[in-house]
Amino acid sequence: MKLKSLSLIVFLCAIVIAGAMNLRDVNGAQTDPRLQREELYRLVNIGIAYLEQFKPEEAAKYFKQAVDKDATFALGHLNLAVAYYFTRELPKAAEEARLALKQMPNSPHAHYILGLALKNERQYEEALKELNAVLAIDPKDPATNIQIGQIYAQQQQFEQAVPAYK
């Protein structure tokens, strides 16, 4: 009796292991699209946890892993842009935000982080274009209006700055 039970357990374990092996290719990479997507979100979640701890360098490593696994993963590019912004790697932040915008052209978050990166690189005209894209989606967004007001104030264009601040 025990031998039959043990044989049944071994057989069932073999089926489970064989099934799990079929979800991976010969190099051990996930082949099930759902599991691949889940892995991307897991990496982004870990990166966000590091951002919340004010560790953007660590966060960037996880976001980079996600986009290396799937170059079309817009959320990975968006979050990598945020991490690069906080590490003051502004050209990289702008590049990643642009990659995110290719996948999510109406993302206010991608336009916003791109606008911030451009503003800090003193590319004011392009920054205003991106920040105004945010306002096209949410005209009353206070953070965006403040950023626009600051750009105009830095350029001593106070007539344009005042309405943005209001």
N, C-alpha and C. Protein backbone atom coordinates (compact mmCIF):
# COMPACT_ATOMS: atom_id res chain seq x y z
N MET A 1 0.81 -1.19 0.00
CA MET A 1 0.00 0.00 0.00
C MET A 1 0.86 1.26 0.00
N LYS A 2 1.90 1.27 0.85
CA LYS A 2 2.77 2.43 0.92
C LYS A 2 3.52 2.64 -0.39
N LEU A 3 3.88 1.55 -1.03
CA LEU A 3 4.61 1.65 -2.30
C LEU A 3 3.73 2.28 -3.37
N LYS A 4 2.45 1.93 -3.41
CA LYS A 4 1.53 2.52 -4.38
C LYS A 4 1.35 4.01 -4.11
N SER A 5 1.23 4.40 -2.86
CA SER A 5 1.08 5.82 -2.50
C SER A 5 2.33 6.60 -2.88
N LEU A 6 3.48 6.03 -2.57
CA LEU A 6 4.74 6.69 -2.91
C LEU A 6 4.88 6.81 -4.42
N SER A 7 4.51 5.79 -5.16
CA SER A 7 4.58 5.83 -6.62
C SER A 7 3.65 6.90 -7.17
N LEU A 8 2.46 7.01 -6.60
CA LEU A 8 1.51 8.01 -7.04
C LEU A 8 2.04 9.42 -6.77
N ILE A 9 2.64 9.63 -5.62
CA ILE A 9 3.20 10.95 -5.27
C ILE A 9 4.34 11.29 -6.23
N VAL A 10 5.23 10.35 -6.49
CA VAL A 10 6.34 10.58 -7.41
C VAL A 10 5.81 10.90 -8.80
N PHE A 11 4.80 10.17 -9.24
CA PHE A 11 4.20 10.39 -10.56
C PHE A 11 3.59 11.80 -10.64
N LEU A 12 2.83 12.19 -9.62
CA LEU A 12 2.22 13.53 -9.61
C LEU A 12 3.28 14.63 -9.58
N CYS A 13 4.32 14.43 -8.81
CA CYS A 13 5.41 15.41 -8.78
C CYS A 13 6.08 15.53 -10.15
N ALA A 14 6.25 14.40 -10.82
CA ALA A 14 6.85 14.42 -12.15
C ALA A 14 5.99 15.20 -13.13
N ILE A 15 4.66 15.05 -13.02
CA ILE A 15 3.75 15.80 -13.90
C ILE A 15 3.87 17.30 -13.63
N VAL A 16 3.90 17.69 -12.35
CA VAL A 16 4.01 19.10 -11.99
C VAL A 16 5.33 19.68 -12.50
N ILE A 17 6.42 18.96 -12.29
CA ILE A 17 7.73 19.43 -12.74
C ILE A 17 7.77 19.53 -14.26
N ALA A 18 7.22 18.54 -14.94
CA ALA A 18 7.20 18.59 -16.41
C ALA A 18 6.38 19.77 -16.90
N GLY A 19 5.26 20.03 -16.25
CA GLY A 19 4.44 21.18 -16.63
C GLY A 19 5.18 22.49 -16.42
N ALA A 20 5.88 22.58 -15.30
CA ALA A 20 6.64 23.80 -15.03
C ALA A 20 7.77 23.98 -16.03
N MET A 21 8.38 22.88 -16.44
CA MET A 21 9.47 22.96 -17.41
C MET A 21 8.97 23.43 -18.76
N ASN A 22 7.74 23.11 -19.10
CA ASN A 22 7.17 23.53 -20.37
C ASN A 22 6.91 25.04 -20.42
N LEU A 23 6.92 25.71 -19.28
CA LEU A 23 6.73 27.16 -19.24
C LEU A 23 8.05 27.90 -19.47
N ARG A 24 9.13 27.15 -19.63
CA ARG A 24 10.44 27.77 -19.83
C ARG A 24 11.06 27.22 -21.11
N ASP A 25 11.87 28.06 -21.76
CA ASP A 25 12.56 27.57 -22.95
C ASP A 25 13.87 26.90 -22.52
N VAL A 26 14.69 26.50 -23.46
CA VAL A 26 15.91 25.77 -23.15
C VAL A 26 16.90 26.59 -22.34
N ASN A 27 16.82 27.91 -22.40
CA ASN A 27 17.72 28.76 -21.63
C ASN A 27 17.16 29.09 -20.25
N GLY A 28 16.00 28.56 -19.92
CA GLY A 28 15.41 28.81 -18.61
C GLY A 28 14.54 30.06 -18.57
N ALA A 29 14.34 30.74 -19.69
CA ALA A 29 13.52 31.94 -19.72
C ALA A 29 12.04 31.57 -19.74
N GLN A 30 11.24 32.42 -19.13
CA GLN A 30 9.79 32.20 -19.14
C GLN A 30 9.25 32.27 -20.56
N THR A 31 8.37 31.33 -20.90
CA THR A 31 7.74 31.37 -22.22
C THR A 31 6.25 31.66 -22.11
N ASP A 32 5.68 31.54 -20.93
CA ASP A 32 4.27 31.87 -20.72
C ASP A 32 4.14 33.39 -20.66
N PRO A 33 3.42 34.01 -21.61
CA PRO A 33 3.33 35.49 -21.64
C PRO A 33 2.77 36.08 -20.35
N ARG A 34 1.86 35.38 -19.71
CA ARG A 34 1.30 35.90 -18.45
C ARG A 34 2.36 35.96 -17.37
N LEU A 35 3.20 34.95 -17.30
CA LEU A 35 4.26 34.92 -16.29
C LEU A 35 5.35 35.94 -16.63
N GLN A 36 5.60 36.13 -17.92
CA GLN A 36 6.57 37.14 -18.32
C GLN A 36 6.09 38.52 -17.88
N ARG A 37 4.83 38.82 -18.12
CA ARG A 37 4.25 40.12 -17.75
C ARG A 37 4.27 40.29 -16.24
N GLU A 38 3.94 39.23 -15.53
CA GLU A 38 3.95 39.27 -14.07
C GLU A 38 5.35 39.60 -13.55
N GLU A 39 6.36 39.05 -14.18
CA GLU A 39 7.74 39.31 -13.78
C GLU A 39 8.09 40.79 -13.99
N LEU A 40 7.62 41.37 -15.09
CA LEU A 40 7.88 42.79 -15.35
C LEU A 40 7.26 43.65 -14.25
N TYR A 41 6.03 43.35 -13.89
CA TYR A 41 5.36 44.12 -12.83
C TYR A 41 6.04 43.91 -11.48
N ARG A 42 6.53 42.70 -11.24
CA ARG A 42 7.25 42.44 -9.98
C ARG A 42 8.50 43.33 -9.90
N LEU A 43 9.24 43.41 -11.01
CA LEU A 43 10.44 44.25 -11.03
C LEU A 43 10.09 45.72 -10.82
N VAL A 44 9.03 46.18 -11.46
CA VAL A 44 8.60 47.58 -11.28
C VAL A 44 8.18 47.83 -9.84
N ASN A 45 7.47 46.90 -9.24
CA ASN A 45 7.04 47.08 -7.85
C ASN A 45 8.22 47.16 -6.90
N ILE A 46 9.23 46.35 -7.13
CA ILE A 46 10.44 46.42 -6.29
C ILE A 46 11.11 47.77 -6.50
N GLY A 47 11.20 48.22 -7.74
CA GLY A 47 11.80 49.53 -8.02
C GLY A 47 11.05 50.65 -7.34
N ILE A 48 9.73 50.60 -7.38
CA ILE A 48 8.92 51.63 -6.73
C ILE A 48 9.17 51.63 -5.22
N ALA A 49 9.31 50.45 -4.65
CA ALA A 49 9.61 50.37 -3.22
C ALA A 49 10.93 51.09 -2.90
N TYR A 50 11.92 50.93 -3.78
CA TYR A 50 13.19 51.64 -3.57
C TYR A 50 13.02 53.15 -3.76
N LEU A 51 12.21 53.56 -4.72
CA LEU A 51 11.94 55.00 -4.87
C LEU A 51 11.30 55.57 -3.61
N GLU A 52 10.38 54.83 -3.03
CA GLU A 52 9.72 55.29 -1.81
C GLU A 52 10.68 55.39 -0.63
N GLN A 53 11.79 54.69 -0.72
CA GLN A 53 12.83 54.76 0.31
C GLN A 53 13.91 55.79 -0.05
N PHE A 54 13.64 56.57 -1.09
CA PHE A 54 14.59 57.58 -1.58
C PHE A 54 15.91 56.95 -2.00
N LYS A 55 15.82 55.83 -2.70
CA LYS A 55 16.98 55.12 -3.24
C LYS A 55 16.81 54.96 -4.75
N PRO A 56 16.88 56.08 -5.48
CA PRO A 56 16.62 56.00 -6.92
C PRO A 56 17.64 55.18 -7.70
N GLU A 57 18.88 55.11 -7.21
CA GLU A 57 19.88 54.30 -7.91
C GLU A 57 19.49 52.83 -7.88
N GLU A 58 19.04 52.37 -6.70
CA GLU A 58 18.60 50.98 -6.58
C GLU A 58 17.34 50.75 -7.41
N ALA A 59 16.43 51.70 -7.36
CA ALA A 59 15.19 51.58 -8.13
C ALA A 59 15.50 51.44 -9.62
N ALA A 60 16.42 52.25 -10.11
CA ALA A 60 16.76 52.24 -11.53
C ALA A 60 17.22 50.85 -11.98
N LYS A 61 17.91 50.13 -11.12
CA LYS A 61 18.38 48.78 -11.48
C LYS A 61 17.21 47.86 -11.81
N TYR A 62 16.16 47.94 -11.03
CA TYR A 62 15.01 47.07 -11.25
C TYR A 62 14.20 47.50 -12.47
N PHE A 63 14.02 48.81 -12.64
CA PHE A 63 13.31 49.30 -13.82
C PHE A 63 14.08 48.93 -15.08
N LYS A 64 15.41 49.01 -15.01
CA LYS A 64 16.26 48.68 -16.15
C LYS A 64 16.11 47.19 -16.49
N GLN A 65 16.05 46.35 -15.47
CA GLN A 65 15.85 44.92 -15.72
C GLN A 65 14.53 44.68 -16.46
N ALA A 66 13.51 45.41 -16.06
CA ALA A 66 12.19 45.24 -16.69
C ALA A 66 12.25 45.64 -18.16
N VAL A 67 12.84 46.78 -18.48
CA VAL A 67 12.87 47.21 -19.88
C VAL A 67 13.86 46.40 -20.69
N ASP A 68 14.87 45.83 -20.04
CA ASP A 68 15.77 44.93 -20.76
C ASP A 68 15.04 43.64 -21.15
N LYS A 69 14.10 43.20 -20.32
CA LYS A 69 13.33 42.00 -20.62
C LYS A 69 12.27 42.27 -21.70
N ASP A 70 11.74 43.50 -21.72
CA ASP A 70 10.72 43.87 -22.70
C ASP A 70 10.85 45.35 -23.02
N ALA A 71 11.45 45.64 -24.16
CA ALA A 71 11.71 47.03 -24.55
C ALA A 71 10.43 47.82 -24.81
N THR A 72 9.29 47.14 -24.93
CA THR A 72 8.02 47.84 -25.16
C THR A 72 7.23 48.04 -23.87
N PHE A 73 7.82 47.74 -22.74
CA PHE A 73 7.12 47.85 -21.45
C PHE A 73 7.15 49.31 -20.99
N ALA A 74 6.10 50.03 -21.36
CA ALA A 74 6.03 51.48 -21.13
C ALA A 74 6.15 51.84 -19.66
N LEU A 75 5.51 51.08 -18.79
CA LEU A 75 5.56 51.39 -17.37
C LEU A 75 6.99 51.30 -16.83
N GLY A 76 7.76 50.37 -17.35
CA GLY A 76 9.16 50.26 -16.96
C GLY A 76 9.94 51.49 -17.40
N HIS A 77 9.71 51.94 -18.65
CA HIS A 77 10.40 53.13 -19.15
C HIS A 77 10.00 54.37 -18.36
N LEU A 78 8.72 54.49 -18.06
CA LEU A 78 8.24 55.65 -17.30
C LEU A 78 8.90 55.71 -15.92
N ASN A 79 8.90 54.60 -15.23
CA ASN A 79 9.50 54.58 -13.90
C ASN A 79 11.02 54.73 -13.95
N LEU A 80 11.64 54.21 -14.99
CA LEU A 80 13.08 54.41 -15.15
C LEU A 80 13.37 55.89 -15.38
N ALA A 81 12.50 56.58 -16.12
CA ALA A 81 12.66 58.02 -16.31
C ALA A 81 12.60 58.75 -14.98
N VAL A 82 11.68 58.36 -14.12
CA VAL A 82 11.56 58.99 -12.79
C VAL A 82 12.83 58.74 -11.98
N ALA A 83 13.31 57.51 -11.99
CA ALA A 83 14.53 57.19 -11.24
C ALA A 83 15.72 58.00 -11.76
N TYR A 84 15.86 58.08 -13.08
CA TYR A 84 16.95 58.87 -13.66
C TYR A 84 16.80 60.35 -13.33
N TYR A 85 15.58 60.84 -13.28
CA TYR A 85 15.36 62.24 -12.91
C TYR A 85 15.91 62.49 -11.50
N PHE A 86 15.62 61.59 -10.58
CA PHE A 86 16.07 61.77 -9.20
C PHE A 86 17.55 61.50 -9.01
N THR A 87 18.18 60.80 -9.93
CA THR A 87 19.64 60.63 -9.86
C THR A 87 20.35 61.73 -10.65
N ARG A 88 19.55 62.66 -11.19
CA ARG A 88 20.04 63.82 -11.95
C ARG A 88 20.67 63.41 -13.28
N GLU A 89 20.26 62.27 -13.80
CA GLU A 89 20.68 61.84 -15.13
C GLU A 89 19.60 62.28 -16.11
N LEU A 90 19.55 63.60 -16.33
CA LEU A 90 18.43 64.20 -17.04
C LEU A 90 18.32 63.77 -18.51
N PRO A 91 19.41 63.67 -19.26
CA PRO A 91 19.26 63.17 -20.64
C PRO A 91 18.68 61.75 -20.69
N LYS A 92 19.11 60.91 -19.76
CA LYS A 92 18.56 59.55 -19.71
C LYS A 92 17.09 59.57 -19.30
N ALA A 93 16.74 60.47 -18.37
CA ALA A 93 15.34 60.60 -17.95
C ALA A 93 14.48 61.00 -19.14
N ALA A 94 14.95 61.95 -19.91
CA ALA A 94 14.19 62.41 -21.08
C ALA A 94 14.05 61.28 -22.10
N GLU A 95 15.13 60.54 -22.32
CA GLU A 95 15.10 59.44 -23.29
C GLU A 95 14.09 58.37 -22.87
N GLU A 96 14.09 58.01 -21.61
CA GLU A 96 13.16 56.98 -21.12
C GLU A 96 11.72 57.48 -21.16
N ALA A 97 11.50 58.75 -20.84
CA ALA A 97 10.14 59.30 -20.92
C ALA A 97 9.64 59.28 -22.36
N ARG A 98 10.51 59.59 -23.30
CA ARG A 98 10.12 59.54 -24.72
C ARG A 98 9.77 58.12 -25.14
N LEU A 99 10.53 57.14 -24.64
CA LEU A 99 10.22 55.74 -24.95
C LEU A 99 8.86 55.35 -24.36
N ALA A 100 8.57 55.83 -23.17
CA ALA A 100 7.26 55.55 -22.57
C ALA A 100 6.15 56.19 -23.39
N LEU A 101 6.40 57.41 -23.87
CA LEU A 101 5.38 58.12 -24.65
C LEU A 101 5.09 57.43 -25.99
N LYS A 102 6.06 56.70 -26.52
CA LYS A 102 5.79 55.96 -27.76
C LYS A 102 4.70 54.91 -27.53
N GLN A 103 4.69 54.33 -26.35
CA GLN A 103 3.70 53.30 -26.01
C GLN A 103 2.43 53.90 -25.41
N MET A 104 2.59 55.04 -24.69
CA MET A 104 1.47 55.68 -24.00
C MET A 104 1.45 57.17 -24.35
N PRO A 105 1.06 57.53 -25.56
CA PRO A 105 1.17 58.93 -25.99
C PRO A 105 0.30 59.90 -25.19
N ASN A 106 -0.70 59.42 -24.50
CA ASN A 106 -1.58 60.29 -23.72
C ASN A 106 -1.31 60.22 -22.22
N SER A 107 -0.16 59.74 -21.85
CA SER A 107 0.17 59.62 -20.42
C SER A 107 0.59 60.97 -19.85
N PRO A 108 -0.20 61.52 -18.95
CA PRO A 108 0.22 62.79 -18.34
C PRO A 108 1.50 62.63 -17.54
N HIS A 109 1.71 61.45 -16.98
CA HIS A 109 2.90 61.22 -16.16
C HIS A 109 4.17 61.25 -17.01
N ALA A 110 4.10 60.62 -18.18
CA ALA A 110 5.27 60.62 -19.07
C ALA A 110 5.56 62.03 -19.60
N HIS A 111 4.52 62.76 -19.97
CA HIS A 111 4.72 64.14 -20.42
C HIS A 111 5.30 64.99 -19.28
N TYR A 112 4.81 64.77 -18.08
CA TYR A 112 5.26 65.57 -16.93
C TYR A 112 6.74 65.34 -16.63
N ILE A 113 7.14 64.07 -16.53
CA ILE A 113 8.55 63.80 -16.20
C ILE A 113 9.46 64.25 -17.32
N LEU A 114 9.01 64.14 -18.57
CA LEU A 114 9.80 64.65 -19.69
C LEU A 114 9.91 66.16 -19.58
N GLY A 115 8.81 66.83 -19.27
CA GLY A 115 8.83 68.28 -19.10
C GLY A 115 9.78 68.71 -18.00
N LEU A 116 9.78 67.99 -16.89
CA LEU A 116 10.70 68.32 -15.79
C LEU A 116 12.16 68.14 -16.19
N ALA A 117 12.44 67.04 -16.87
CA ALA A 117 13.82 66.79 -17.30
C ALA A 117 14.28 67.89 -18.26
N LEU A 118 13.43 68.25 -19.20
CA LEU A 118 13.78 69.30 -20.16
C LEU A 118 13.94 70.65 -19.48
N LYS A 119 13.07 70.94 -18.53
CA LYS A 119 13.16 72.20 -17.77
C LYS A 119 14.52 72.29 -17.07
N ASN A 120 14.92 71.21 -16.44
CA ASN A 120 16.18 71.21 -15.71
C ASN A 120 17.39 71.22 -16.63
N GLU A 121 17.19 70.88 -17.88
CA GLU A 121 18.24 70.98 -18.89
C GLU A 121 18.19 72.33 -19.61
N ARG A 122 17.32 73.21 -19.13
CA ARG A 122 17.12 74.56 -19.68
C ARG A 122 16.61 74.55 -21.13
N GLN A 123 15.89 73.51 -21.48
CA GLN A 123 15.24 73.43 -22.79
C GLN A 123 13.78 73.84 -22.59
N TYR A 124 13.62 75.13 -22.32
CA TYR A 124 12.34 75.65 -21.85
C TYR A 124 11.21 75.50 -22.86
N GLU A 125 11.46 75.74 -24.11
CA GLU A 125 10.40 75.65 -25.11
C GLU A 125 9.84 74.23 -25.20
N GLU A 126 10.75 73.26 -25.24
CA GLU A 126 10.30 71.86 -25.29
C GLU A 126 9.62 71.46 -23.97
N ALA A 127 10.15 71.96 -22.87
CA ALA A 127 9.55 71.65 -21.56
C ALA A 127 8.12 72.18 -21.50
N LEU A 128 7.92 73.40 -21.98
CA LEU A 128 6.57 73.97 -21.99
C LEU A 128 5.62 73.15 -22.85
N LYS A 129 6.12 72.66 -23.97
CA LYS A 129 5.29 71.82 -24.85
C LYS A 129 4.82 70.57 -24.09
N GLU A 130 5.73 69.93 -23.39
CA GLU A 130 5.37 68.70 -22.65
C GLU A 130 4.44 69.01 -21.48
N LEU A 131 4.72 70.08 -20.77
CA LEU A 131 3.88 70.44 -19.62
C LEU A 131 2.49 70.87 -20.08
N ASN A 132 2.42 71.54 -21.21
CA ASN A 132 1.11 71.91 -21.75
C ASN A 132 0.34 70.68 -22.22
N ALA A 133 1.04 69.63 -22.61
CA ALA A 133 0.37 68.38 -22.95
C ALA A 133 -0.31 67.79 -21.71
N VAL A 134 0.31 67.97 -20.55
CA VAL A 134 -0.32 67.54 -19.30
C VAL A 134 -1.58 68.36 -19.05
N LEU A 135 -1.47 69.67 -19.23
CA LEU A 135 -2.63 70.54 -19.00
C LEU A 135 -3.77 70.26 -19.97
N ALA A 136 -3.44 69.76 -21.15
CA ALA A 136 -4.50 69.39 -22.10
C ALA A 136 -5.33 68.23 -21.54
N ILE A 137 -4.71 67.42 -20.71
CA ILE A 137 -5.40 66.29 -20.09
C ILE A 137 -6.05 66.72 -18.77
N ASP A 138 -5.33 67.52 -17.99
CA ASP A 138 -5.82 67.98 -16.68
C ASP A 138 -5.46 69.45 -16.51
N PRO A 139 -6.32 70.35 -16.98
CA PRO A 139 -6.01 71.78 -17.00
C PRO A 139 -5.75 72.40 -15.62
N LYS A 140 -6.25 71.78 -14.58
CA LYS A 140 -6.10 72.36 -13.25
C LYS A 140 -5.01 71.71 -12.41
N ASP A 141 -4.17 70.91 -13.03
CA ASP A 141 -3.12 70.23 -12.27
C ASP A 141 -2.20 71.26 -11.64
N PRO A 142 -2.17 71.34 -10.31
CA PRO A 142 -1.37 72.39 -9.67
C PRO A 142 0.14 72.26 -9.90
N ALA A 143 0.67 71.04 -9.84
CA ALA A 143 2.11 70.87 -10.00
C ALA A 143 2.57 71.31 -11.39
N THR A 144 1.79 70.98 -12.39
CA THR A 144 2.14 71.36 -13.76
C THR A 144 2.07 72.87 -13.93
N ASN A 145 1.02 73.47 -13.40
CA ASN A 145 0.90 74.93 -13.49
C ASN A 145 2.04 75.63 -12.78
N ILE A 146 2.46 75.11 -11.66
CA ILE A 146 3.61 75.71 -10.94
C ILE A 146 4.87 75.60 -11.79
N GLN A 147 5.10 74.44 -12.39
CA GLN A 147 6.29 74.26 -13.23
C GLN A 147 6.28 75.24 -14.40
N ILE A 148 5.12 75.40 -15.03
CA ILE A 148 5.00 76.35 -16.15
C ILE A 148 5.25 77.77 -15.65
N GLY A 149 4.67 78.12 -14.52
CA GLY A 149 4.91 79.44 -13.95
C GLY A 149 6.38 79.69 -13.67
N GLN A 150 7.07 78.67 -13.16
CA GLN A 150 8.50 78.82 -12.87
C GLN A 150 9.31 79.03 -14.15
N ILE A 151 8.96 78.33 -15.21
CA ILE A 151 9.68 78.51 -16.48
C ILE A 151 9.51 79.94 -16.96
N TYR A 152 8.27 80.43 -16.95
CA TYR A 152 8.03 81.81 -17.40
C TYR A 152 8.72 82.82 -16.48
N ALA A 153 8.70 82.57 -15.19
CA ALA A 153 9.36 83.49 -14.25
C ALA A 153 10.87 83.51 -14.48
N GLN A 154 11.48 82.34 -14.72
CA GLN A 154 12.92 82.28 -14.99
C GLN A 154 13.27 83.06 -16.24
N GLN A 155 12.36 83.11 -17.18
CA GLN A 155 12.59 83.85 -18.42
C GLN A 155 12.09 85.29 -18.32
N GLN A 156 11.70 85.68 -17.13
CA GLN A 156 11.17 87.02 -16.85
C GLN A 156 9.97 87.36 -17.73
N GLN A 157 9.17 86.37 -18.00
CA GLN A 157 7.91 86.56 -18.74
C GLN A 157 6.77 86.48 -17.72
N PHE A 158 6.71 87.53 -16.91
CA PHE A 158 5.82 87.51 -15.76
C PHE A 158 4.34 87.52 -16.14
N GLU A 159 4.01 88.10 -17.30
CA GLU A 159 2.60 88.12 -17.73
C GLU A 159 2.08 86.70 -17.96
N GLN A 160 2.95 85.79 -18.43
CA GLN A 160 2.55 84.39 -18.63
C GLN A 160 2.66 83.59 -17.32
N ALA A 161 3.57 84.00 -16.45
CA ALA A 161 3.79 83.27 -15.21
C ALA A 161 2.60 83.41 -14.26
N VAL A 162 2.06 84.62 -14.16
CA VAL A 162 1.00 84.89 -13.19
C VAL A 162 -0.22 84.00 -13.41
N PRO A 163 -0.76 83.88 -14.64
CA PRO A 163 -1.93 83.00 -14.81
C PRO A 163 -1.63 81.54 -14.47
N ALA A 164 -0.43 81.09 -14.77
CA ALA A 164 -0.07 79.70 -14.42
C ALA A 164 -0.06 79.51 -12.92
N TYR A 165 0.47 80.48 -12.19
CA TYR A 165 0.49 80.38 -10.73
C TYR A 165 -0.91 80.46 -10.13
N LYS A 166 -1.79 81.22 -10.77
CA LYS A 166 -3.16 81.35 -10.24
C LYS A 166 -3.89 80.03 -10.40
